[in-house]
């Protein structure tokens, strides 16, 4: 069964945010950290601060679009509800 991840990266606590979707979150995070994305590279957005899994790519993309339209305060509350210290959650990505 495939998993799709919706994720939020941050430059630092309350810093610049990036929201994305990926089938392989480990690979995508590595790409972000090695300069694959000009935006995340320019603003040093490399810390995985929130993610969730979905079984459907359609639902994952819908959730990504929804989050991108949220107010910034709502995004910060979402992150802090699960990750109040803004730790890098890369070690918590499940192995598929």
PDB file of N, CA and C in Angstrom:
ATOM      1  N   UNK A   1       0.843  -1.179   0.000  1.00  0.00           N
ATOM      2  CA  UNK A   1       0.000   0.000   0.000  1.00  0.00           C
ATOM      3  C   UNK A   1       0.891   1.246   0.000  1.00  0.00           C
ATOM      4  N   UNK A   2       0.586   2.161  -0.860  1.00  0.00           N
ATOM      5  CA  UNK A   2       1.373   3.395  -0.956  1.00  0.00           C
ATOM      6  C   UNK A   2       0.929   4.409   0.081  1.00  0.00           C
ATOM      7  N   UNK A   3       1.894   5.181   0.514  1.00  0.00           N
ATOM      8  CA  UNK A   3       1.627   6.308   1.402  1.00  0.00           C
ATOM      9  C   UNK A   3       2.031   7.576   0.677  1.00  0.00           C
ATOM     10  N   UNK A   4       1.298   8.604   0.948  1.00  0.00           N
ATOM     11  CA  UNK A   4       1.624   9.931   0.440  1.00  0.00           C
ATOM     12  C   UNK A   4       1.719  10.855   1.647  1.00  0.00           C
ATOM     13  N   UNK A   5       2.702  11.711   1.615  1.00  0.00           N
ATOM     14  CA  UNK A   5       2.973  12.582   2.746  1.00  0.00           C
ATOM     15  C   UNK A   5       2.702  14.035   2.379  1.00  0.00           C
ATOM     16  N   UNK A   6       2.022  14.720   3.261  1.00  0.00           N
ATOM     17  CA  UNK A   6       1.914  16.173   3.195  1.00  0.00           C
ATOM     18  C   UNK A   6       2.825  16.654   4.315  1.00  0.00           C
ATOM     19  N   UNK A   7       3.676  17.626   4.008  1.00  0.00           N
ATOM     20  CA  UNK A   7       4.689  18.014   4.984  1.00  0.00           C
ATOM     21  C   UNK A   7       4.902  19.520   5.004  1.00  0.00           C
ATOM     22  N   UNK A   8       5.435  19.976   6.137  1.00  0.00           N
ATOM     23  CA  UNK A   8       5.806  21.381   6.286  1.00  0.00           C
ATOM     24  C   UNK A   8       7.265  21.432   6.717  1.00  0.00           C
ATOM     25  N   UNK A   9       8.045  22.220   5.984  1.00  0.00           N
ATOM     26  CA  UNK A   9       9.426  22.506   6.340  1.00  0.00           C
ATOM     27  C   UNK A   9       9.481  23.931   6.865  1.00  0.00           C
ATOM     28  N   UNK A  10      10.449  24.202   7.728  1.00  0.00           N
ATOM     29  CA  UNK A  10      10.626  25.553   8.270  1.00  0.00           C
ATOM     30  C   UNK A  10      12.108  25.903   8.295  1.00  0.00           C
ATOM     31  N   UNK A  11      12.378  27.188   8.182  1.00  0.00           N
ATOM     32  CA  UNK A  11      13.760  27.658   8.276  1.00  0.00           C
ATOM     33  C   UNK A  11      14.214  27.680   9.736  1.00  0.00           C
ATOM     34  N   UNK A  12      13.298  27.967  10.628  1.00  0.00           N
ATOM     35  CA  UNK A  12      13.548  28.005  12.070  1.00  0.00           C
ATOM     36  C   UNK A  12      12.184  28.158  12.741  1.00  0.00           C
ATOM     37  N   UNK A  13      12.147  28.208  14.048  1.00  0.00           N
ATOM     38  CA  UNK A  13      10.882  28.418  14.764  1.00  0.00           C
ATOM     39  C   UNK A  13      10.247  29.720  14.277  1.00  0.00           C
ATOM     40  N   UNK A  14       9.001  29.658  13.884  1.00  0.00           N
ATOM     41  CA  UNK A  14       8.236  30.801  13.379  1.00  0.00           C
ATOM     42  C   UNK A  14       8.876  31.436  12.145  1.00  0.00           C
ATOM     43  N   UNK A  15       9.729  30.703  11.447  1.00  0.00           N
ATOM     44  CA  UNK A  15      10.398  31.222  10.260  1.00  0.00           C
ATOM     45  C   UNK A  15       9.587  30.991   8.994  1.00  0.00           C
ATOM     46  N   UNK A  16      10.288  31.008   7.888  1.00  0.00           N
ATOM     47  CA  UNK A  16       9.663  30.789   6.582  1.00  0.00           C
ATOM     48  C   UNK A  16       9.224  29.339   6.475  1.00  0.00           C
ATOM     49  N   UNK A  17       8.035  29.117   5.930  1.00  0.00           N
ATOM     50  CA  UNK A  17       7.467  27.776   5.809  1.00  0.00           C
ATOM     51  C   UNK A  17       7.385  27.353   4.345  1.00  0.00           C
ATOM     52  N   UNK A  18       7.436  26.046   4.136  1.00  0.00           N
ATOM     53  CA  UNK A  18       7.240  25.451   2.818  1.00  0.00           C
ATOM     54  C   UNK A  18       6.334  24.254   3.009  1.00  0.00           C
ATOM     55  N   UNK A  19       5.297  24.133   2.193  1.00  0.00           N
ATOM     56  CA  UNK A  19       4.362  23.012   2.268  1.00  0.00           C
ATOM     57  C   UNK A  19       4.467  22.220   0.978  1.00  0.00           C
ATOM     58  N   UNK A  20       4.558  20.905   1.105  1.00  0.00           N
ATOM     59  CA  UNK A  20       4.669  20.059  -0.074  1.00  0.00           C
ATOM     60  C   UNK A  20       3.993  18.723   0.122  1.00  0.00           C
ATOM     61  N   UNK A  21       4.010  17.928  -0.951  1.00  0.00           N
ATOM     62  CA  UNK A  21       3.459  16.571  -0.924  1.00  0.00           C
ATOM     63  C   UNK A  21       4.447  15.666  -1.644  1.00  0.00           C
ATOM     64  N   UNK A  22       4.605  14.438  -1.140  1.00  0.00           N
ATOM     65  CA  UNK A  22       5.543  13.509  -1.752  1.00  0.00           C
ATOM     66  C   UNK A  22       5.158  12.077  -1.422  1.00  0.00           C
ATOM     67  N   UNK A  23       5.489  11.178  -2.326  1.00  0.00           N
ATOM     68  CA  UNK A  23       5.298   9.757  -2.069  1.00  0.00           C
ATOM     69  C   UNK A  23       6.483   9.206  -1.275  1.00  0.00           C
ATOM     70  N   UNK A  24       7.650   9.800  -1.454  1.00  0.00           N
ATOM     71  CA  UNK A  24       8.869   9.361  -0.771  1.00  0.00           C
ATOM     72  C   UNK A  24       9.435  10.553   0.002  1.00  0.00           C
ATOM     73  N   UNK A  25       9.004  10.705   1.236  1.00  0.00           N
ATOM     74  CA  UNK A  25       9.361  11.886   2.023  1.00  0.00           C
ATOM     75  C   UNK A  25      10.853  11.928   2.349  1.00  0.00           C
ATOM     76  N   UNK A  26      11.472  10.794   2.591  1.00  0.00           N
ATOM     77  CA  UNK A  26      12.913  10.777   2.865  1.00  0.00           C
ATOM     78  C   UNK A  26      13.703  11.323   1.674  1.00  0.00           C
ATOM     79  N   UNK A  27      13.371  10.850   0.481  1.00  0.00           N
ATOM     80  CA  UNK A  27      14.052  11.321  -0.726  1.00  0.00           C
ATOM     81  C   UNK A  27      13.805  12.801  -0.940  1.00  0.00           C
ATOM     82  N   UNK A  28      12.568  13.221  -0.795  1.00  0.00           N
ATOM     83  CA  UNK A  28      12.230  14.625  -1.025  1.00  0.00           C
ATOM     84  C   UNK A  28      12.926  15.538  -0.022  1.00  0.00           C
ATOM     85  N   UNK A  29      12.988  15.121   1.220  1.00  0.00           N
ATOM     86  CA  UNK A  29      13.683  15.916   2.224  1.00  0.00           C
ATOM     87  C   UNK A  29      15.167  16.046   1.867  1.00  0.00           C
ATOM     88  N   UNK A  30      15.763  14.955   1.409  1.00  0.00           N
ATOM     89  CA  UNK A  30      17.154  15.005   0.963  1.00  0.00           C
ATOM     90  C   UNK A  30      17.337  15.976  -0.200  1.00  0.00           C
ATOM     91  N   UNK A  31      16.394  15.990  -1.115  1.00  0.00           N
ATOM     92  CA  UNK A  31      16.466  16.927  -2.244  1.00  0.00           C
ATOM     93  C   UNK A  31      16.396  18.369  -1.751  1.00  0.00           C
ATOM     94  N   UNK A  32      15.493  18.635  -0.837  1.00  0.00           N
ATOM     95  CA  UNK A  32      15.380  19.995  -0.296  1.00  0.00           C
ATOM     96  C   UNK A  32      16.680  20.413   0.386  1.00  0.00           C
ATOM     97  N   UNK A  33      17.307  19.491   1.077  1.00  0.00           N
ATOM     98  CA  UNK A  33      18.517  19.817   1.838  1.00  0.00           C
ATOM     99  C   UNK A  33      19.760  19.940   0.967  1.00  0.00           C
ATOM    100  N   UNK A  34      19.684  19.494  -0.269  1.00  0.00           N
ATOM    101  CA  UNK A  34      20.854  19.587  -1.156  1.00  0.00           C
ATOM    102  C   UNK A  34      20.650  20.600  -2.276  1.00  0.00           C
ATOM    103  N   UNK A  35      19.663  21.475  -2.133  1.00  0.00           N
ATOM    104  CA  UNK A  35      19.508  22.564  -3.086  1.00  0.00           C
ATOM    105  C   UNK A  35      18.625  22.270  -4.281  1.00  0.00           C
ATOM    106  N   UNK A  36      17.845  21.191  -4.242  1.00  0.00           N
ATOM    107  CA  UNK A  36      16.956  20.837  -5.346  1.00  0.00           C
ATOM    108  C   UNK A  36      15.922  21.930  -5.615  1.00  0.00           C
ATOM    109  N   UNK A  37      15.413  22.519  -4.562  1.00  0.00           N
ATOM    110  CA  UNK A  37      14.412  23.580  -4.677  1.00  0.00           C
ATOM    111  C   UNK A  37      15.085  24.934  -4.444  1.00  0.00           C
ATOM    112  N   UNK A  38      14.980  25.824  -5.403  1.00  0.00           N
ATOM    113  CA  UNK A  38      15.580  27.149  -5.244  1.00  0.00           C
ATOM    114  C   UNK A  38      14.984  27.892  -4.051  1.00  0.00           C
ATOM    115  N   UNK A  39      13.674  27.764  -3.849  1.00  0.00           N
ATOM    116  CA  UNK A  39      13.013  28.469  -2.754  1.00  0.00           C
ATOM    117  C   UNK A  39      13.537  27.996  -1.401  1.00  0.00           C
ATOM    118  N   UNK A  40      13.529  26.668  -1.181  1.00  0.00           N
ATOM    119  CA  UNK A  40      13.969  26.164   0.118  1.00  0.00           C
ATOM    120  C   UNK A  40      15.463  26.388   0.320  1.00  0.00           C
ATOM    121  N   UNK A  41      16.228  26.370  -0.760  1.00  0.00           N
ATOM    122  CA  UNK A  41      17.667  26.622  -0.659  1.00  0.00           C
ATOM    123  C   UNK A  41      17.935  28.093  -0.327  1.00  0.00           C
ATOM    124  N   UNK A  42      17.252  28.984  -1.020  1.00  0.00           N
ATOM    125  CA  UNK A  42      17.458  30.422  -0.808  1.00  0.00           C
ATOM    126  C   UNK A  42      17.155  30.845   0.621  1.00  0.00           C
ATOM    127  N   UNK A  43      16.076  30.301   1.184  1.00  0.00           N
ATOM    128  CA  UNK A  43      15.645  30.704   2.523  1.00  0.00           C
ATOM    129  C   UNK A  43      16.047  29.700   3.612  1.00  0.00           C
ATOM    130  N   UNK A  44      16.901  28.731   3.252  1.00  0.00           N
ATOM    131  CA  UNK A  44      17.406  27.736   4.209  1.00  0.00           C
ATOM    132  C   UNK A  44      16.275  27.031   4.961  1.00  0.00           C
ATOM    133  N   UNK A  45      15.302  26.549   4.197  1.00  0.00           N
ATOM    134  CA  UNK A  45      14.133  25.867   4.759  1.00  0.00           C
ATOM    135  C   UNK A  45      14.409  24.365   4.679  1.00  0.00           C
ATOM    136  N   UNK A  46      14.977  23.810   5.747  1.00  0.00           N
ATOM    137  CA  UNK A  46      15.399  22.415   5.711  1.00  0.00           C
ATOM    138  C   UNK A  46      14.887  21.579   6.877  1.00  0.00           C
ATOM    139  N   UNK A  47      14.214  22.190   7.819  1.00  0.00           N
ATOM    140  CA  UNK A  47      13.759  21.472   9.015  1.00  0.00           C
ATOM    141  C   UNK A  47      12.340  20.948   8.811  1.00  0.00           C
ATOM    142  N   UNK A  48      12.181  19.624   8.885  1.00  0.00           N
ATOM    143  CA  UNK A  48      10.862  19.007   8.789  1.00  0.00           C
ATOM    144  C   UNK A  48      10.169  19.180  10.134  1.00  0.00           C
ATOM    145  N   UNK A  49       9.120  20.009  10.182  1.00  0.00           N
ATOM    146  CA  UNK A  49       8.472  20.308  11.461  1.00  0.00           C
ATOM    147  C   UNK A  49       7.080  19.686  11.597  1.00  0.00           C
ATOM    148  N   UNK A  50       6.536  19.167  10.497  1.00  0.00           N
ATOM    149  CA  UNK A  50       5.203  18.562  10.561  1.00  0.00           C
ATOM    150  C   UNK A  50       5.002  17.709   9.321  1.00  0.00           C
ATOM    151  N   UNK A  51       4.324  16.588   9.482  1.00  0.00           N
ATOM    152  CA  UNK A  51       3.905  15.786   8.319  1.00  0.00           C
ATOM    153  C   UNK A  51       2.747  14.897   8.716  1.00  0.00           C
ATOM    154  N   UNK A  52       2.008  14.461   7.716  1.00  0.00           N
ATOM    155  CA  UNK A  52       0.938  13.494   7.913  1.00  0.00           C
ATOM    156  C   UNK A  52       0.901  12.588   6.696  1.00  0.00           C
ATOM    157  N   UNK A  53       0.325  11.412   6.859  1.00  0.00           N
ATOM    158  CA  UNK A  53       0.262  10.446   5.768  1.00  0.00           C
ATOM    159  C   UNK A  53      -1.165  10.285   5.271  1.00  0.00           C
ATOM    160  N   UNK A  54      -1.245   9.934   3.996  1.00  0.00           N
ATOM    161  CA  UNK A  54      -2.528   9.666   3.341  1.00  0.00           C
ATOM    162  C   UNK A  54      -2.361   8.468   2.424  1.00  0.00           C
ATOM    163  N   UNK A  55      -3.410   7.722   2.234  1.00  0.00           N
ATOM    164  CA  UNK A  55      -3.362   6.566   1.343  1.00  0.00           C
ATOM    165  C   UNK A  55      -3.682   6.933  -0.093  1.00  0.00           C
ATOM    166  N   UNK A  56      -4.218   8.104  -0.306  1.00  0.00           N
ATOM    167  CA  UNK A  56      -4.620   8.534  -1.645  1.00  0.00           C
ATOM    168  C   UNK A  56      -3.858   9.789  -2.042  1.00  0.00           C
ATOM    169  N   UNK A  57      -3.273   9.775  -3.231  1.00  0.00           N
ATOM    170  CA  UNK A  57      -2.576  10.959  -3.731  1.00  0.00           C
ATOM    171  C   UNK A  57      -3.555  12.109  -3.928  1.00  0.00           C
ATOM    172  N   UNK A  58      -4.771  11.799  -4.302  1.00  0.00           N
ATOM    173  CA  UNK A  58      -5.780  12.841  -4.516  1.00  0.00           C
ATOM    174  C   UNK A  58      -6.059  13.571  -3.204  1.00  0.00           C
ATOM    175  N   UNK A  59      -6.234  12.810  -2.142  1.00  0.00           N
ATOM    176  CA  UNK A  59      -6.514  13.419  -0.836  1.00  0.00           C
ATOM    177  C   UNK A  59      -5.289  14.180  -0.338  1.00  0.00           C
ATOM    178  N   UNK A  60      -4.086  13.629  -0.538  1.00  0.00           N
ATOM    179  CA  UNK A  60      -2.863  14.307  -0.100  1.00  0.00           C
ATOM    180  C   UNK A  60      -2.703  15.643  -0.821  1.00  0.00           C
ATOM    181  N   UNK A  61      -2.921  15.670  -2.113  1.00  0.00           N
ATOM    182  CA  UNK A  61      -2.796  16.929  -2.861  1.00  0.00           C
ATOM    183  C   UNK A  61      -3.878  17.925  -2.452  1.00  0.00           C
ATOM    184  N   UNK A  62      -5.059  17.422  -2.182  1.00  0.00           N
ATOM    185  CA  UNK A  62      -6.141  18.301  -1.721  1.00  0.00           C
ATOM    186  C   UNK A  62      -5.777  18.926  -0.372  1.00  0.00           C
ATOM    187  N   UNK A  63      -5.219  18.115   0.522  1.00  0.00           N
ATOM    188  CA  UNK A  63      -4.805  18.619   1.835  1.00  0.00           C
ATOM    189  C   UNK A  63      -3.681  19.653   1.690  1.00  0.00           C
ATOM    190  N   UNK A  64      -2.725  19.386   0.800  1.00  0.00           N
ATOM    191  CA  UNK A  64      -1.643  20.340   0.551  1.00  0.00           C
ATOM    192  C   UNK A  64      -2.210  21.684   0.096  1.00  0.00           C
ATOM    193  N   UNK A  65      -3.124  21.654  -0.866  1.00  0.00           N
ATOM    194  CA  UNK A  65      -3.722  22.909  -1.354  1.00  0.00           C
ATOM    195  C   UNK A  65      -4.489  23.622  -0.245  1.00  0.00           C
ATOM    196  N   UNK A  66      -5.192  22.861   0.576  1.00  0.00           N
ATOM    197  CA  UNK A  66      -5.927  23.456   1.690  1.00  0.00           C
ATOM    198  C   UNK A  66      -4.977  24.168   2.645  1.00  0.00           C
ATOM    199  N   UNK A  67      -3.896  23.479   3.035  1.00  0.00           N
ATOM    200  CA  UNK A  67      -2.939  24.070   3.966  1.00  0.00           C
ATOM    201  C   UNK A  67      -2.278  25.318   3.382  1.00  0.00           C
ATOM    202  N   UNK A  68      -1.993  25.301   2.098  1.00  0.00           N
ATOM    203  CA  UNK A  68      -1.357  26.455   1.469  1.00  0.00           C
ATOM    204  C   UNK A  68      -2.258  27.688   1.512  1.00  0.00           C
ATOM    205  N   UNK A  69      -3.561  27.476   1.617  1.00  0.00           N
ATOM    206  CA  UNK A  69      -4.498  28.597   1.678  1.00  0.00           C
ATOM    207  C   UNK A  69      -4.841  29.020   3.104  1.00  0.00           C
ATOM    208  N   UNK A  70      -4.369  28.274   4.072  1.00  0.00           N
ATOM    209  CA  UNK A  70      -4.621  28.628   5.469  1.00  0.00           C
ATOM    210  C   UNK A  70      -3.890  29.907   5.841  1.00  0.00           C
ATOM    211  N   UNK A  71      -4.410  30.588   6.850  1.00  0.00           N
ATOM    212  CA  UNK A  71      -3.704  31.729   7.434  1.00  0.00           C
ATOM    213  C   UNK A  71      -2.440  31.212   8.127  1.00  0.00           C
ATOM    214  N   UNK A  72      -1.435  32.053   8.157  1.00  0.00           N
ATOM    215  CA  UNK A  72      -0.157  31.661   8.774  1.00  0.00           C
ATOM    216  C   UNK A  72      -0.348  31.207  10.226  1.00  0.00           C
ATOM    217  N   UNK A  73      -1.162  31.932  10.986  1.00  0.00           N
ATOM    218  CA  UNK A  73      -1.395  31.563  12.387  1.00  0.00           C
ATOM    219  C   UNK A  73      -1.935  30.143  12.511  1.00  0.00           C
ATOM    220  N   UNK A  74      -2.802  29.733  11.600  1.00  0.00           N
ATOM    221  CA  UNK A  74      -3.363  28.383  11.642  1.00  0.00           C
ATOM    222  C   UNK A  74      -2.266  27.353  11.391  1.00  0.00           C
ATOM    223  N   UNK A  75      -1.363  27.655  10.457  1.00  0.00           N
ATOM    224  CA  UNK A  75      -0.255  26.738  10.166  1.00  0.00           C
ATOM    225  C   UNK A  75       0.659  26.606  11.387  1.00  0.00           C
ATOM    226  N   UNK A  76       0.947  27.722  12.036  1.00  0.00           N
ATOM    227  CA  UNK A  76       1.796  27.682  13.229  1.00  0.00           C
ATOM    228  C   UNK A  76       1.137  26.867  14.333  1.00  0.00           C
ATOM    229  N   UNK A  77      -0.170  27.008  14.504  1.00  0.00           N
ATOM    230  CA  UNK A  77      -0.889  26.235  15.521  1.00  0.00           C
ATOM    231  C   UNK A  77      -0.859  24.742  15.188  1.00  0.00           C
ATOM    232  N   UNK A  78      -0.982  24.411  13.903  1.00  0.00           N
ATOM    233  CA  UNK A  78      -0.926  23.012  13.479  1.00  0.00           C
ATOM    234  C   UNK A  78       0.432  22.406  13.832  1.00  0.00           C
ATOM    235  N   UNK A  79       1.495  23.127  13.532  1.00  0.00           N
ATOM    236  CA  UNK A  79       2.847  22.652  13.840  1.00  0.00           C
ATOM    237  C   UNK A  79       3.013  22.497  15.350  1.00  0.00           C
ATOM    238  N   UNK A  80       2.652  23.509  16.106  1.00  0.00           N
ATOM    239  CA  UNK A  80       2.897  23.501  17.552  1.00  0.00           C
ATOM    240  C   UNK A  80       2.033  22.495  18.300  1.00  0.00           C
ATOM    241  N   UNK A  81       0.899  22.109  17.730  1.00  0.00           N
ATOM    242  CA  UNK A  81       0.068  21.091  18.381  1.00  0.00           C
ATOM    243  C   UNK A  81       0.797  19.754  18.442  1.00  0.00           C
ATOM    244  N   UNK A  82       1.580  19.455  17.430  1.00  0.00           N
ATOM    245  CA  UNK A  82       2.306  18.185  17.392  1.00  0.00           C
ATOM    246  C   UNK A  82       3.775  18.347  17.776  1.00  0.00           C
ATOM    247  N   UNK A  83       4.323  19.503  17.490  1.00  0.00           N
ATOM    248  CA  UNK A  83       5.765  19.702  17.624  1.00  0.00           C
ATOM    249  C   UNK A  83       6.049  21.060  18.280  1.00  0.00           C
ATOM    250  N   UNK A  84       5.727  21.210  19.563  1.00  0.00           N
ATOM    251  CA  UNK A  84       5.850  22.525  20.213  1.00  0.00           C
ATOM    252  C   UNK A  84       7.274  23.074  20.254  1.00  0.00           C
ATOM    253  N   UNK A  85       8.272  22.208  20.181  1.00  0.00           N
ATOM    254  CA  UNK A  85       9.666  22.658  20.214  1.00  0.00           C
ATOM    255  C   UNK A  85      10.259  22.867  18.825  1.00  0.00           C
ATOM    256  N   UNK A  86       9.466  22.633  17.797  1.00  0.00           N
ATOM    257  CA  UNK A  86       9.911  22.782  16.400  1.00  0.00           C
ATOM    258  C   UNK A  86      11.142  21.919  16.110  1.00  0.00           C
ATOM    259  N   UNK A  87      11.146  20.702  16.663  1.00  0.00           N
ATOM    260  CA  UNK A  87      12.236  19.763  16.392  1.00  0.00           C
ATOM    261  C   UNK A  87      12.191  19.330  14.927  1.00  0.00           C
ATOM    262  N   UNK A  88      13.335  18.889  14.422  1.00  0.00           N
ATOM    263  CA  UNK A  88      13.392  18.312  13.091  1.00  0.00           C
ATOM    264  C   UNK A  88      12.869  16.876  13.200  1.00  0.00           C
ATOM    265  N   UNK A  89      11.788  16.573  12.509  1.00  0.00           N
ATOM    266  CA  UNK A  89      11.124  15.281  12.610  1.00  0.00           C
ATOM    267  C   UNK A  89      11.620  14.266  11.580  1.00  0.00           C
ATOM    268  N   UNK A  90      12.722  14.540  10.928  1.00  0.00           N
ATOM    269  CA  UNK A  90      13.211  13.647   9.884  1.00  0.00           C
ATOM    270  C   UNK A  90      13.400  12.212  10.392  1.00  0.00           C
ATOM    271  N   UNK A  91      13.820  12.053  11.627  1.00  0.00           N
ATOM    272  CA  UNK A  91      14.009  10.721  12.189  1.00  0.00           C
ATOM    273  C   UNK A  91      12.719   9.981  12.477  1.00  0.00           C
ATOM    274  N   UNK A  92      11.603  10.652  12.370  1.00  0.00           N
ATOM    275  CA  UNK A  92      10.304  10.029  12.660  1.00  0.00           C
ATOM    276  C   UNK A  92       9.561   9.596  11.397  1.00  0.00           C
ATOM    277  N   UNK A  93      10.175   9.788  10.244  1.00  0.00           N
ATOM    278  CA  UNK A  93       9.535   9.354   8.993  1.00  0.00           C
ATOM    279  C   UNK A  93       9.526   7.832   8.984  1.00  0.00           C
ATOM    280  N   UNK A  94       8.357   7.224   8.814  1.00  0.00           N
ATOM    281  CA  UNK A  94       8.315   5.761   8.822  1.00  0.00           C
ATOM    282  C   UNK A  94       9.014   5.168   7.587  1.00  0.00           C
ATOM    283  N   UNK A  95       9.579   3.999   7.756  1.00  0.00           N
ATOM    284  CA  UNK A  95      10.154   3.274   6.620  1.00  0.00           C
ATOM    285  C   UNK A  95       9.015   2.575   5.899  1.00  0.00           C
ATOM    286  N   UNK A  96       8.955   2.760   4.601  1.00  0.00           N
ATOM    287  CA  UNK A  96       7.876   2.120   3.812  1.00  0.00           C
ATOM    288  C   UNK A  96       8.241   0.715   3.425  1.00  0.00           C
TER     289      UNK A  96
END
